[in-house]
N, C-alpha and C. Protein backbone atom coordinates (compact mmCIF):
# COMPACT_ATOMS: atom_id res chain seq x y z
N MET A 1 32.67 96.62 110.88
CA MET A 1 32.10 97.83 111.18
C MET A 1 31.31 98.01 112.35
N MET A 2 30.44 96.92 112.54
CA MET A 2 29.56 96.86 113.63
C MET A 2 30.31 96.87 114.87
N GLY A 3 31.32 96.02 115.02
CA GLY A 3 32.18 96.10 116.10
C GLY A 3 32.74 97.42 116.57
N ILE A 4 33.19 98.20 115.56
CA ILE A 4 33.73 99.52 115.90
C ILE A 4 32.64 100.38 116.37
N VAL A 5 31.39 100.28 116.07
CA VAL A 5 30.18 101.15 116.52
C VAL A 5 29.98 100.73 117.87
N ILE A 6 30.01 99.19 118.14
CA ILE A 6 29.77 98.73 119.54
C ILE A 6 30.74 99.35 120.58
N LEU A 7 32.17 99.23 120.15
CA LEU A 7 33.36 99.70 120.95
C LEU A 7 33.25 101.06 121.23
N ALA A 8 32.75 101.91 120.12
CA ALA A 8 32.76 103.47 120.48
C ALA A 8 31.61 103.70 121.39
N GLY A 9 30.29 103.01 121.18
CA GLY A 9 29.41 103.19 122.14
C GLY A 9 29.63 103.02 123.61
N GLY A 10 30.52 101.73 123.83
CA GLY A 10 30.95 101.36 125.07
C GLY A 10 31.93 102.32 125.61
N TYR A 11 32.83 103.01 124.84
CA TYR A 11 33.62 104.05 125.28
C TYR A 11 32.88 105.22 125.90
N VAL A 12 31.80 105.72 124.91
CA VAL A 12 30.99 106.70 125.43
C VAL A 12 30.47 106.55 126.74
N ALA A 13 29.86 105.41 127.08
CA ALA A 13 29.16 104.98 128.16
C ALA A 13 30.13 104.99 129.40
N VAL A 14 31.23 104.48 129.23
CA VAL A 14 32.18 104.40 130.33
C VAL A 14 32.74 105.76 130.75
N ASN A 15 33.07 106.57 129.45
CA ASN A 15 33.43 107.94 129.84
C ASN A 15 32.33 108.82 130.45
N ALA A 16 30.98 108.74 130.14
CA ALA A 16 30.08 109.44 130.71
C ALA A 16 29.73 108.84 132.31
N TYR A 17 30.14 107.56 132.51
CA TYR A 17 29.88 107.00 133.89
C TYR A 17 31.13 107.54 134.68
N GLN A 18 32.36 107.58 134.02
CA GLN A 18 33.45 108.10 134.79
C GLN A 18 33.30 109.57 135.17
N LYS A 19 32.79 110.52 134.22
CA LYS A 19 32.49 112.01 134.55
C LYS A 19 31.52 112.09 135.76
N ASP A 20 30.43 111.21 135.46
CA ASP A 20 29.42 111.39 136.67
C ASP A 20 29.86 111.07 137.89
N LYS A 21 30.73 110.06 138.12
CA LYS A 21 31.42 109.61 139.23
C LYS A 21 32.40 110.82 139.85
N MET A 22 33.10 111.22 138.87
CA MET A 22 34.18 112.39 139.28
C MET A 22 33.30 113.62 139.97
N LEU A 23 32.07 113.88 139.34
CA LEU A 23 31.35 114.99 139.64
C LEU A 23 30.72 114.72 140.92
N LYS A 24 30.29 113.68 141.29
CA LYS A 24 29.66 113.14 142.68
C LYS A 24 30.91 113.33 143.79
N GLU A 25 32.01 112.86 143.40
CA GLU A 25 33.13 112.86 144.24
C GLU A 25 33.53 114.51 144.55
N ALA A 26 33.52 115.37 143.24
CA ALA A 26 33.92 116.67 143.35
C ALA A 26 32.94 117.54 144.28
N GLU A 27 31.61 117.03 144.10
CA GLU A 27 30.45 117.71 145.11
C GLU A 27 30.75 117.41 146.34
N LYS A 28 31.15 116.19 146.76
CA LYS A 28 31.53 115.95 148.23
C LYS A 28 32.55 116.71 148.80
N LYS A 29 33.63 116.74 147.92
CA LYS A 29 34.80 117.51 148.20
C LYS A 29 34.33 118.90 148.51
N ALA A 30 33.73 119.54 147.52
CA ALA A 30 33.35 121.01 147.69
C ALA A 30 32.53 121.18 148.86
N GLU A 31 31.61 120.41 149.23
CA GLU A 31 30.75 120.47 150.35
C GLU A 31 31.67 120.49 151.57
N VAL A 32 32.65 119.58 151.88
CA VAL A 32 33.41 119.46 152.97
C VAL A 32 34.36 120.76 152.86
N TYR A 33 34.84 121.17 151.95
CA TYR A 33 35.65 122.47 151.83
C TYR A 33 34.96 123.76 152.30
N ILE A 34 33.75 123.68 151.84
CA ILE A 34 32.82 124.96 152.11
C ILE A 34 32.27 124.92 153.68
N LYS A 35 32.01 123.86 154.12
CA LYS A 35 31.57 123.71 155.69
C LYS A 35 32.87 123.86 156.50
N LYS A 36 33.94 123.44 156.18
CA LYS A 36 35.16 123.55 156.91
C LYS A 36 35.68 124.97 157.06
N ASN A 37 35.56 125.72 155.73
CA ASN A 37 36.08 127.05 155.73
C ASN A 37 35.18 128.12 155.93
N TYR A 38 33.87 128.19 156.04
CA TYR A 38 33.05 129.07 156.15
C TYR A 38 32.16 128.91 157.34
N ASP A 39 31.72 130.04 157.99
CA ASP A 39 30.97 129.84 159.21
C ASP A 39 29.50 129.87 158.76
N GLN A 40 28.63 129.33 159.54
CA GLN A 40 27.13 129.37 159.34
C GLN A 40 26.69 128.61 158.11
N ILE A 41 27.34 127.58 157.69
CA ILE A 41 26.74 126.71 156.53
C ILE A 41 26.19 125.53 156.98
N ASP A 42 24.85 125.33 156.77
CA ASP A 42 24.31 124.24 157.30
C ASP A 42 23.94 123.21 156.19
N LYS A 43 23.79 123.83 154.88
CA LYS A 43 23.43 122.98 153.81
C LYS A 43 24.20 123.64 152.44
N VAL A 44 24.58 122.64 151.77
CA VAL A 44 25.15 123.02 150.44
C VAL A 44 24.45 122.31 149.30
N SER A 45 23.96 123.19 148.37
CA SER A 45 23.13 122.69 147.25
C SER A 45 23.87 122.85 145.97
N PHE A 46 23.74 122.05 144.97
CA PHE A 46 24.56 122.22 143.60
C PHE A 46 23.65 122.39 142.62
N ASN A 47 23.90 122.92 141.63
CA ASN A 47 23.13 123.36 140.28
C ASN A 47 24.04 122.62 139.28
N GLU A 48 23.42 121.55 138.86
CA GLU A 48 24.27 120.77 137.95
C GLU A 48 24.19 121.40 136.68
N ASP A 49 23.35 122.17 136.34
CA ASP A 49 23.23 122.70 134.90
C ASP A 49 24.67 123.55 134.66
N TYR A 50 25.28 124.09 135.81
CA TYR A 50 26.66 124.69 135.66
C TYR A 50 27.93 124.00 136.05
N HIS A 51 27.83 122.64 136.10
CA HIS A 51 29.05 121.96 136.23
C HIS A 51 29.61 121.65 134.84
N GLU A 52 30.85 121.96 134.82
CA GLU A 52 31.74 121.97 133.35
C GLU A 52 33.14 121.53 133.68
N PHE A 53 33.41 120.40 132.89
CA PHE A 53 34.83 120.05 132.82
C PHE A 53 35.54 120.81 132.02
N TYR A 54 36.75 121.16 132.36
CA TYR A 54 37.76 121.94 131.29
C TYR A 54 38.42 120.98 130.37
N PRO A 55 38.92 121.72 129.29
CA PRO A 55 39.59 120.81 128.26
C PRO A 55 40.63 120.00 129.10
N GLU A 56 41.04 118.80 128.41
CA GLU A 56 41.79 117.89 129.05
C GLU A 56 43.26 118.61 129.46
N ASP A 57 43.70 119.60 128.72
CA ASP A 57 44.92 120.12 129.05
C ASP A 57 44.88 121.10 130.19
N LEU A 58 43.77 121.45 130.70
CA LEU A 58 43.71 122.28 131.88
C LEU A 58 43.31 121.35 133.13
N SER A 59 42.97 120.16 133.17
CA SER A 59 42.70 119.30 134.16
C SER A 59 42.01 119.80 135.41
N GLY A 60 40.80 119.94 135.09
CA GLY A 60 39.87 120.30 136.18
C GLY A 60 38.48 120.47 136.03
N LEU A 61 37.69 120.86 136.90
CA LEU A 61 36.35 121.05 136.58
C LEU A 61 35.67 122.03 137.48
N SER A 62 34.58 122.77 137.19
CA SER A 62 34.00 123.68 137.92
C SER A 62 32.63 123.31 138.29
N ILE A 63 32.13 123.51 139.53
CA ILE A 63 30.97 123.14 139.87
C ILE A 63 30.34 124.35 140.71
N SER A 64 29.06 124.51 140.50
CA SER A 64 28.43 125.68 141.25
C SER A 64 27.21 125.29 142.17
N GLY A 65 26.74 126.30 143.12
CA GLY A 65 25.81 125.86 143.79
C GLY A 65 25.38 127.12 144.73
N TYR A 66 24.70 126.68 145.73
CA TYR A 66 24.48 127.60 146.78
C TYR A 66 24.42 127.33 148.20
N ALA A 67 24.48 128.11 149.10
CA ALA A 67 24.47 127.71 150.52
C ALA A 67 23.20 127.90 151.29
N ASN A 68 22.79 127.19 152.22
CA ASN A 68 21.74 127.38 153.11
C ASN A 68 20.36 127.29 152.57
N GLY A 69 20.18 126.82 151.20
CA GLY A 69 19.00 126.87 150.59
C GLY A 69 18.57 128.28 150.00
N LYS A 70 19.53 129.03 150.01
CA LYS A 70 19.42 130.56 149.57
C LYS A 70 20.26 130.66 148.16
N LYS A 71 19.63 130.80 147.12
CA LYS A 71 20.01 131.00 145.91
C LYS A 71 21.04 132.20 145.61
N GLY A 72 20.80 133.21 146.53
CA GLY A 72 21.52 134.57 146.72
C GLY A 72 22.95 134.30 147.28
N LEU A 73 23.00 133.03 147.87
CA LEU A 73 24.44 132.71 148.39
C LEU A 73 25.15 131.75 147.48
N PHE A 74 25.25 132.14 146.27
CA PHE A 74 25.83 131.26 145.28
C PHE A 74 27.38 131.15 145.46
N PHE A 75 27.92 130.12 144.83
CA PHE A 75 29.41 130.03 144.75
C PHE A 75 29.65 129.03 143.54
N SER A 76 30.90 129.16 143.11
CA SER A 76 31.51 128.34 142.09
C SER A 76 32.84 128.01 142.68
N ILE A 77 33.20 126.67 142.34
CA ILE A 77 34.62 126.12 142.93
C ILE A 77 35.09 125.33 141.96
N ASP A 78 36.45 125.61 141.70
CA ASP A 78 37.25 124.86 140.70
C ASP A 78 38.04 123.84 141.34
N ILE A 79 38.24 122.63 140.82
CA ILE A 79 38.90 121.54 141.53
C ILE A 79 39.67 120.88 140.37
N ASN A 80 40.89 120.52 140.78
CA ASN A 80 41.92 119.81 140.00
C ASN A 80 41.29 118.39 139.66
N THR A 81 41.52 117.97 138.43
CA THR A 81 41.16 116.54 138.17
C THR A 81 42.36 116.10 137.20
N GLU A 82 43.16 115.24 137.71
CA GLU A 82 44.45 114.75 136.82
C GLU A 82 44.27 113.15 137.01
N ASP A 83 44.57 112.48 135.88
CA ASP A 83 44.59 111.15 135.77
C ASP A 83 43.28 110.63 136.08
N ASP A 84 42.05 111.21 135.70
CA ASP A 84 40.79 110.92 136.27
C ASP A 84 40.74 110.77 137.53
N GLN A 85 41.17 111.44 138.39
CA GLN A 85 41.05 111.69 139.79
C GLN A 85 40.73 113.05 140.37
N VAL A 86 39.85 113.02 141.16
CA VAL A 86 39.53 114.41 141.78
C VAL A 86 40.49 114.66 142.84
N GLY A 87 41.05 116.03 142.65
CA GLY A 87 42.16 116.48 143.52
C GLY A 87 41.78 117.59 144.35
N SER A 88 42.56 118.61 144.52
CA SER A 88 42.49 119.61 145.55
C SER A 88 41.68 120.78 144.94
N VAL A 89 41.16 121.65 145.83
CA VAL A 89 40.37 122.74 145.24
C VAL A 89 41.49 123.92 144.70
N LYS A 90 41.30 124.30 143.45
CA LYS A 90 42.09 125.40 142.63
C LYS A 90 41.60 126.88 143.18
N SER A 91 40.30 127.01 143.29
CA SER A 91 39.84 128.25 143.53
C SER A 91 38.35 128.29 144.11
N PHE A 92 37.94 129.28 144.73
CA PHE A 92 36.36 129.52 145.07
C PHE A 92 36.16 130.83 145.11
N PHE A 93 34.96 130.93 144.30
CA PHE A 93 34.16 132.32 144.14
C PHE A 93 32.99 132.37 144.89
N HIS A 94 32.39 133.45 145.46
CA HIS A 94 31.10 133.24 146.12
C HIS A 94 30.71 134.67 146.12
N ALA A 95 29.46 134.67 146.52
CA ALA A 95 28.59 135.98 146.55
C ALA A 95 29.23 136.73 147.46
N GLY A 96 29.05 138.26 147.44
CA GLY A 96 29.55 139.14 148.42
C GLY A 96 28.89 138.95 149.72
N ASP A 97 27.64 138.35 149.82
CA ASP A 97 27.05 138.46 151.38
C ASP A 97 27.11 136.81 151.63
N PHE A 98 28.03 136.11 151.05
CA PHE A 98 28.26 134.75 151.51
C PHE A 98 28.91 134.68 153.04
N PRO A 99 28.35 133.70 153.90
CA PRO A 99 28.80 133.62 155.23
C PRO A 99 30.30 133.80 155.20
N PRO A 100 30.93 134.40 156.41
CA PRO A 100 32.31 134.75 156.45
C PRO A 100 33.20 133.46 156.73
N GLU A 101 34.48 133.74 156.26
CA GLU A 101 35.48 132.66 156.45
C GLU A 101 35.64 132.39 158.04
N LYS A 102 36.13 131.23 158.15
CA LYS A 102 36.27 130.81 159.74
C LYS A 102 37.74 131.36 160.30
């Protein structure tokens, strides 16, 4: 019985580590995407309270943040995750006064 508890605890720790690693990679991908596709972006900040993994059957995650240190320039970006790998950007939503696309 104790072995099952230890294995379950180990699985939870590994799963949490894997999710954290994927979130950090997704944040990097989001920052590159935003700076590459939008003018006048000097800084991208993330609000980790609004990061969310989709149910497994939807294979993705949503991360949110804001640009240039201005919380009014918010965005939400959805990124594919399949086979525990961070993939391409699915969609990008931003505030109406977000800097223009390049």
